Amino acid sequence: MGREEESLSNLATLVVRLVLGGFMAGHGAQKLFGSFGGPGIKGTTQMVESQGLTPPKLWAVLGGASEFGGGILTSLGLLNPLGPISVIAAMAMAAKTVHGGQPIWVTEGGAEFPVTNMAAATALMLGGPGKYSADRALGLKVPTWISFLALVTVILAVLYGPANENEDPAGQESKGEPGA
């Protein structure tokens, strides 16, 4: 790759990091702190509870923290790939619990938006944070085993964590309200 192409590639990575990370941090801040007109932790806990996730406050905090912290780390390009992995965790859980069983399109309640965010986060996880990142400036590199452990933890949490809100632990459909 030529010097100009490499510069453009690093600039493209920076743009994706800033947009994805910024929006994810903002989305998490809505859930945790009530920023930007969000529900705050109390409203997020109520939403999570309506989806049948227990304990609801724990899942509300974990979801908000994954979005907020993952977004900040992604924006800064700090401790890559832990930020994108946190984004993937939050979006995979949202796709499963909030959007599961729906057609893919967001207009039909589907997971189009979380899947798009997961794709961008996966690209950053695999491609790295680029030249214009805190990792590069500080000379940091997260050991591969830590990244692998974080990714396996996310996969297991999504697969074996809370059931879809339409199912109870016994696997029978509930009569509760649909999720957001």
C-alpha atoms as a PDB file:
ATOM      1  CA  MET A   1       0.000   0.000   0.000  1.00  0.00           C
ATOM      2  CA  GLY A   2       1.344   3.416  -0.964  1.00  0.00           C
ATOM      3  CA  ARG A   3       1.867   6.221   1.505  1.00  0.00           C
ATOM      4  CA  GLU A   4      -1.214   8.180   0.341  1.00  0.00           C
ATOM      5  CA  GLU A   5      -3.418   5.067   0.464  1.00  0.00           C
ATOM      6  CA  GLU A   6      -2.159   4.268   3.967  1.00  0.00           C
ATOM      7  CA  SER A   7      -2.944   7.812   5.136  1.00  0.00           C
ATOM      8  CA  LEU A   8      -6.465   7.593   3.704  1.00  0.00           C
ATOM      9  CA  SER A   9      -6.979   4.178   5.285  1.00  0.00           C
ATOM     10  CA  ASN A  10      -5.931   5.523   8.684  1.00  0.00           C
ATOM     11  CA  LEU A  11      -8.196   8.547   8.225  1.00  0.00           C
ATOM     12  CA  ALA A  12     -11.116   6.251   7.292  1.00  0.00           C
ATOM     13  CA  THR A  13     -10.496   4.172  10.418  1.00  0.00           C
ATOM     14  CA  LEU A  14     -10.475   7.349  12.526  1.00  0.00           C
ATOM     15  CA  VAL A  15     -13.819   8.474  11.056  1.00  0.00           C
ATOM     16  CA  VAL A  16     -15.452   5.091  11.763  1.00  0.00           C
ATOM     17  CA  ARG A  17     -13.998   5.025  15.294  1.00  0.00           C
ATOM     18  CA  LEU A  18     -15.196   8.536  16.113  1.00  0.00           C
ATOM     19  CA  VAL A  19     -18.706   8.065  14.728  1.00  0.00           C
ATOM     20  CA  LEU A  20     -19.344   4.556  16.060  1.00  0.00           C
ATOM     21  CA  GLY A  21     -17.622   5.207  19.375  1.00  0.00           C
ATOM     22  CA  GLY A  22     -19.212   8.611  19.842  1.00  0.00           C
ATOM     23  CA  PHE A  23     -22.736   7.392  19.191  1.00  0.00           C
ATOM     24  CA  MET A  24     -22.250   4.298  21.358  1.00  0.00           C
ATOM     25  CA  ALA A  25     -20.866   6.393  24.240  1.00  0.00           C
ATOM     26  CA  GLY A  26     -23.818   8.766  23.872  1.00  0.00           C
ATOM     27  CA  HIS A  27     -26.287   5.879  23.792  1.00  0.00           C
ATOM     28  CA  GLY A  28     -24.735   4.444  26.949  1.00  0.00           C
ATOM     29  CA  ALA A  29     -24.801   7.889  28.620  1.00  0.00           C
ATOM     30  CA  GLN A  30     -28.542   8.063  27.911  1.00  0.00           C
ATOM     31  CA  LYS A  31     -29.036   4.755  29.694  1.00  0.00           C
ATOM     32  CA  LEU A  32     -26.691   5.370  32.618  1.00  0.00           C
ATOM     33  CA  PHE A  33     -26.968   9.099  33.304  1.00  0.00           C
ATOM     34  CA  GLY A  34     -30.092  10.343  31.503  1.00  0.00           C
ATOM     35  CA  SER A  35     -27.920  12.393  29.122  1.00  0.00           C
ATOM     36  CA  PHE A  36     -29.293  13.566  25.767  1.00  0.00           C
ATOM     37  CA  GLY A  37     -32.902  13.003  26.854  1.00  0.00           C
ATOM     38  CA  GLY A  38     -32.271   9.395  27.851  1.00  0.00           C
ATOM     39  CA  PRO A  39     -34.085   7.468  30.561  1.00  0.00           C
ATOM     40  CA  GLY A  40     -31.185   7.235  33.027  1.00  0.00           C
ATOM     41  CA  ILE A  41     -30.511   4.106  35.043  1.00  0.00           C
ATOM     42  CA  LYS A  42     -33.991   4.065  36.611  1.00  0.00           C
ATOM     43  CA  GLY A  43     -35.785   4.179  33.246  1.00  0.00           C
ATOM     44  CA  THR A  44     -33.323   1.747  31.681  1.00  0.00           C
ATOM     45  CA  THR A  45     -33.876  -0.679  34.564  1.00  0.00           C
ATOM     46  CA  GLN A  46     -37.647  -0.467  34.000  1.00  0.00           C
ATOM     47  CA  MET A  47     -37.188  -1.108  30.277  1.00  0.00           C
ATOM     48  CA  VAL A  48     -34.924  -4.096  30.952  1.00  0.00           C
ATOM     49  CA  GLU A  49     -37.406  -5.436  33.503  1.00  0.00           C
ATOM     50  CA  SER A  50     -40.245  -5.179  30.943  1.00  0.00           C
ATOM     51  CA  GLN A  51     -38.141  -7.384  28.668  1.00  0.00           C
ATOM     52  CA  GLY A  52     -38.048 -10.071  31.359  1.00  0.00           C
ATOM     53  CA  LEU A  53     -34.323  -9.831  32.104  1.00  0.00           C
ATOM     54  CA  THR A  54     -33.331 -10.538  35.693  1.00  0.00           C
ATOM     55  CA  PRO A  55     -31.884  -9.023  37.703  1.00  0.00           C
ATOM     56  CA  PRO A  56     -32.974  -5.953  35.727  1.00  0.00           C
ATOM     57  CA  LYS A  57     -30.696  -3.352  37.349  1.00  0.00           C
ATOM     58  CA  LEU A  58     -27.609  -5.503  36.760  1.00  0.00           C
ATOM     59  CA  TRP A  59     -28.465  -5.959  33.069  1.00  0.00           C
ATOM     60  CA  ALA A  60     -29.269  -2.232  32.742  1.00  0.00           C
ATOM     61  CA  VAL A  61     -25.890  -1.266  34.204  1.00  0.00           C
ATOM     62  CA  LEU A  62     -24.009  -3.864  32.141  1.00  0.00           C
ATOM     63  CA  GLY A  63     -25.702  -2.752  28.918  1.00  0.00           C
ATOM     64  CA  GLY A  64     -25.162   0.945  29.565  1.00  0.00           C
ATOM     65  CA  ALA A  65     -21.564   0.435  30.702  1.00  0.00           C
ATOM     66  CA  SER A  66     -20.746  -1.702  27.648  1.00  0.00           C
ATOM     67  CA  GLU A  67     -22.085   1.006  25.359  1.00  0.00           C
ATOM     68  CA  PHE A  68     -20.599   3.960  27.244  1.00  0.00           C
ATOM     69  CA  GLY A  69     -17.195   2.455  28.057  1.00  0.00           C
ATOM     70  CA  GLY A  70     -16.900   0.600  24.777  1.00  0.00           C
ATOM     71  CA  GLY A  71     -17.805   3.755  22.908  1.00  0.00           C
ATOM     72  CA  ILE A  72     -15.196   5.845  24.695  1.00  0.00           C
ATOM     73  CA  LEU A  73     -12.457   3.247  24.191  1.00  0.00           C
ATOM     74  CA  THR A  74     -13.434   2.867  20.525  1.00  0.00           C
ATOM     75  CA  SER A  75     -13.479   6.647  19.911  1.00  0.00           C
ATOM     76  CA  LEU A  76     -10.047   7.073  21.438  1.00  0.00           C
ATOM     77  CA  GLY A  77      -8.580   3.948  19.861  1.00  0.00           C
ATOM     78  CA  LEU A  78      -7.524   2.968  23.361  1.00  0.00           C
ATOM     79  CA  LEU A  79      -6.955  -0.639  24.459  1.00  0.00           C
ATOM     80  CA  ASN A  80      -8.146  -1.946  21.101  1.00  0.00           C
ATOM     81  CA  PRO A  81      -9.930  -4.347  20.583  1.00  0.00           C
ATOM     82  CA  LEU A  82     -11.633  -4.133  24.006  1.00  0.00           C
ATOM     83  CA  GLY A  83     -13.782  -1.130  23.001  1.00  0.00           C
ATOM     84  CA  PRO A  84     -15.157  -2.731  19.831  1.00  0.00           C
ATOM     85  CA  ILE A  85     -15.696  -6.009  21.725  1.00  0.00           C
ATOM     86  CA  SER A  86     -17.772  -4.115  24.311  1.00  0.00           C
ATOM     87  CA  VAL A  87     -19.807  -2.542  21.509  1.00  0.00           C
ATOM     88  CA  ILE A  88     -20.348  -5.975  19.966  1.00  0.00           C
ATOM     89  CA  ALA A  89     -21.461  -7.308  23.364  1.00  0.00           C
ATOM     90  CA  ALA A  90     -24.071  -4.585  23.864  1.00  0.00           C
ATOM     91  CA  MET A  91     -25.370  -4.804  20.304  1.00  0.00           C
ATOM     92  CA  ALA A  92     -25.486  -8.611  20.249  1.00  0.00           C
ATOM     93  CA  MET A  93     -27.481  -8.614  23.483  1.00  0.00           C
ATOM     94  CA  ALA A  94     -29.839  -5.957  22.070  1.00  0.00           C
ATOM     95  CA  ALA A  95     -30.275  -7.969  18.876  1.00  0.00           C
ATOM     96  CA  LYS A  96     -31.138 -11.038  20.937  1.00  0.00           C
ATOM     97  CA  THR A  97     -33.337  -9.576  23.665  1.00  0.00           C
ATOM     98  CA  VAL A  98     -34.989  -6.535  22.093  1.00  0.00           C
ATOM     99  CA  HIS A  99     -35.080  -7.412  18.398  1.00  0.00           C
ATOM    100  CA  GLY A 100     -35.012 -11.228  18.447  1.00  0.00           C
ATOM    101  CA  GLY A 101     -37.639 -12.991  16.378  1.00  0.00           C
ATOM    102  CA  GLN A 102     -38.430  -9.880  14.314  1.00  0.00           C
ATOM    103  CA  PRO A 103     -37.738  -9.319  10.610  1.00  0.00           C
ATOM    104  CA  ILE A 104     -34.299  -7.718  10.141  1.00  0.00           C
ATOM    105  CA  TRP A 105     -35.453  -4.190   9.237  1.00  0.00           C
ATOM    106  CA  VAL A 106     -35.613  -1.598  12.030  1.00  0.00           C
ATOM    107  CA  THR A 107     -38.978  -0.370  10.693  1.00  0.00           C
ATOM    108  CA  GLU A 108     -40.367  -3.767  11.675  1.00  0.00           C
ATOM    109  CA  GLY A 109     -38.643  -3.895  15.072  1.00  0.00           C
ATOM    110  CA  GLY A 110     -35.660  -5.791  13.723  1.00  0.00           C
ATOM    111  CA  ALA A 111     -31.943  -5.789  14.451  1.00  0.00           C
ATOM    112  CA  GLU A 112     -30.776  -3.867  11.370  1.00  0.00           C
ATOM    113  CA  PHE A 113     -29.145  -1.102  13.441  1.00  0.00           C
ATOM    114  CA  PRO A 114     -27.411  -3.319  16.045  1.00  0.00           C
ATOM    115  CA  VAL A 115     -26.120  -5.598  13.271  1.00  0.00           C
ATOM    116  CA  THR A 116     -24.695  -2.578  11.408  1.00  0.00           C
ATOM    117  CA  ASN A 117     -22.971  -1.413  14.605  1.00  0.00           C
ATOM    118  CA  MET A 118     -21.587  -4.931  15.172  1.00  0.00           C
ATOM    119  CA  ALA A 119     -20.187  -5.000  11.625  1.00  0.00           C
ATOM    120  CA  ALA A 120     -18.387  -1.664  12.109  1.00  0.00           C
ATOM    121  CA  ALA A 121     -17.068  -2.766  15.524  1.00  0.00           C
ATOM    122  CA  THR A 122     -15.876  -6.079  14.062  1.00  0.00           C
ATOM    123  CA  ALA A 123     -14.011  -4.224  11.301  1.00  0.00           C
ATOM    124  CA  LEU A 124     -12.272  -2.085  13.940  1.00  0.00           C
ATOM    125  CA  MET A 125     -11.557  -5.115  16.105  1.00  0.00           C
ATOM    126  CA  LEU A 126      -9.917  -6.943  13.196  1.00  0.00           C
ATOM    127  CA  GLY A 127      -8.267  -3.975  11.479  1.00  0.00           C
ATOM    128  CA  GLY A 128      -7.003  -2.215  14.567  1.00  0.00           C
ATOM    129  CA  PRO A 129      -7.431   1.379  15.709  1.00  0.00           C
ATOM    130  CA  GLY A 130      -5.192   2.888  13.053  1.00  0.00           C
ATOM    131  CA  LYS A 131      -2.346   5.376  13.182  1.00  0.00           C
ATOM    132  CA  TYR A 132      -4.398   8.176  14.749  1.00  0.00           C
ATOM    133  CA  SER A 133      -5.173   6.385  18.000  1.00  0.00           C
ATOM    134  CA  ALA A 134      -4.297   6.525  21.676  1.00  0.00           C
ATOM    135  CA  ASP A 135      -2.845   3.013  21.402  1.00  0.00           C
ATOM    136  CA  ARG A 136      -0.390   4.169  18.735  1.00  0.00           C
ATOM    137  CA  ALA A 137       0.447   7.401  20.571  1.00  0.00           C
ATOM    138  CA  LEU A 138       1.056   5.576  23.856  1.00  0.00           C
ATOM    139  CA  GLY A 139       2.644   2.468  22.358  1.00  0.00           C
ATOM    140  CA  LEU A 140      -0.022   0.163  23.844  1.00  0.00           C
ATOM    141  CA  LYS A 141      -1.020  -3.288  22.676  1.00  0.00           C
ATOM    142  CA  VAL A 142      -3.592  -5.453  24.448  1.00  0.00           C
ATOM    143  CA  PRO A 143      -2.253  -9.025  24.670  1.00  0.00           C
ATOM    144  CA  THR A 144      -3.999 -11.385  22.265  1.00  0.00           C
ATOM    145  CA  TRP A 145      -5.049 -13.745  25.063  1.00  0.00           C
ATOM    146  CA  ILE A 146      -6.941 -10.934  26.825  1.00  0.00           C
ATOM    147  CA  SER A 147      -8.745 -10.028  23.599  1.00  0.00           C
ATOM    148  CA  PHE A 148      -9.583 -13.684  23.001  1.00  0.00           C
ATOM    149  CA  LEU A 149     -10.850 -14.098  26.570  1.00  0.00           C
ATOM    150  CA  ALA A 150     -13.017 -10.962  26.264  1.00  0.00           C
ATOM    151  CA  LEU A 151     -14.498 -12.168  22.972  1.00  0.00           C
ATOM    152  CA  VAL A 152     -15.239 -15.653  24.341  1.00  0.00           C
ATOM    153  CA  THR A 153     -16.880 -14.074  27.412  1.00  0.00           C
ATOM    154  CA  VAL A 154     -19.121 -11.972  25.161  1.00  0.00           C
ATOM    155  CA  ILE A 155     -20.108 -14.959  23.056  1.00  0.00           C
ATOM    156  CA  LEU A 156     -20.951 -17.044  26.125  1.00  0.00           C
ATOM    157  CA  ALA A 157     -22.891 -14.194  27.762  1.00  0.00           C
ATOM    158  CA  VAL A 158     -25.008 -13.688  24.656  1.00  0.00           C
ATOM    159  CA  LEU A 159     -25.582 -17.401  24.078  1.00  0.00           C
ATOM    160  CA  TYR A 160     -26.249 -18.378  27.671  1.00  0.00           C
ATOM    161  CA  GLY A 161     -27.246 -15.064  29.258  1.00  0.00           C
ATOM    162  CA  PRO A 162     -30.803 -13.823  29.486  1.00  0.00           C
ATOM    163  CA  ALA A 163     -33.436 -15.521  27.385  1.00  0.00           C
ATOM    164  CA  ASN A 164     -35.424 -13.623  24.795  1.00  0.00           C
ATOM    165  CA  GLU A 165     -38.129 -11.574  26.492  1.00  0.00           C
ATOM    166  CA  ASN A 166     -40.796 -13.795  24.963  1.00  0.00           C
ATOM    167  CA  GLU A 167     -39.512 -16.831  26.784  1.00  0.00           C
ATOM    168  CA  ASP A 168     -39.390 -17.705  30.446  1.00  0.00           C
ATOM    169  CA  PRO A 169     -36.606 -19.864  31.904  1.00  0.00           C
ATOM    170  CA  ALA A 170     -38.679 -23.004  31.261  1.00  0.00           C
ATOM    171  CA  GLY A 171     -38.849 -22.087  27.569  1.00  0.00           C
ATOM    172  CA  GLN A 172     -42.566 -21.298  27.588  1.00  0.00           C
ATOM    173  CA  GLU A 173     -43.856 -18.122  26.000  1.00  0.00           C
ATOM    174  CA  SER A 174     -44.730 -15.323  28.386  1.00  0.00           C
ATOM    175  CA  LYS A 175     -47.661 -12.983  28.073  1.00  0.00           C
ATOM    176  CA  GLY A 176     -45.593  -9.835  28.832  1.00  0.00           C
ATOM    177  CA  GLU A 177     -45.346  -6.650  26.846  1.00  0.00           C
ATOM    178  CA  PRO A 178     -42.981  -6.692  23.860  1.00  0.00           C
ATOM    179  CA  GLY A 179     -39.580  -5.017  24.309  1.00  0.00           C
ATOM    180  CA  ALA A 180     -38.426  -1.701  22.941  1.00  0.00           C
END
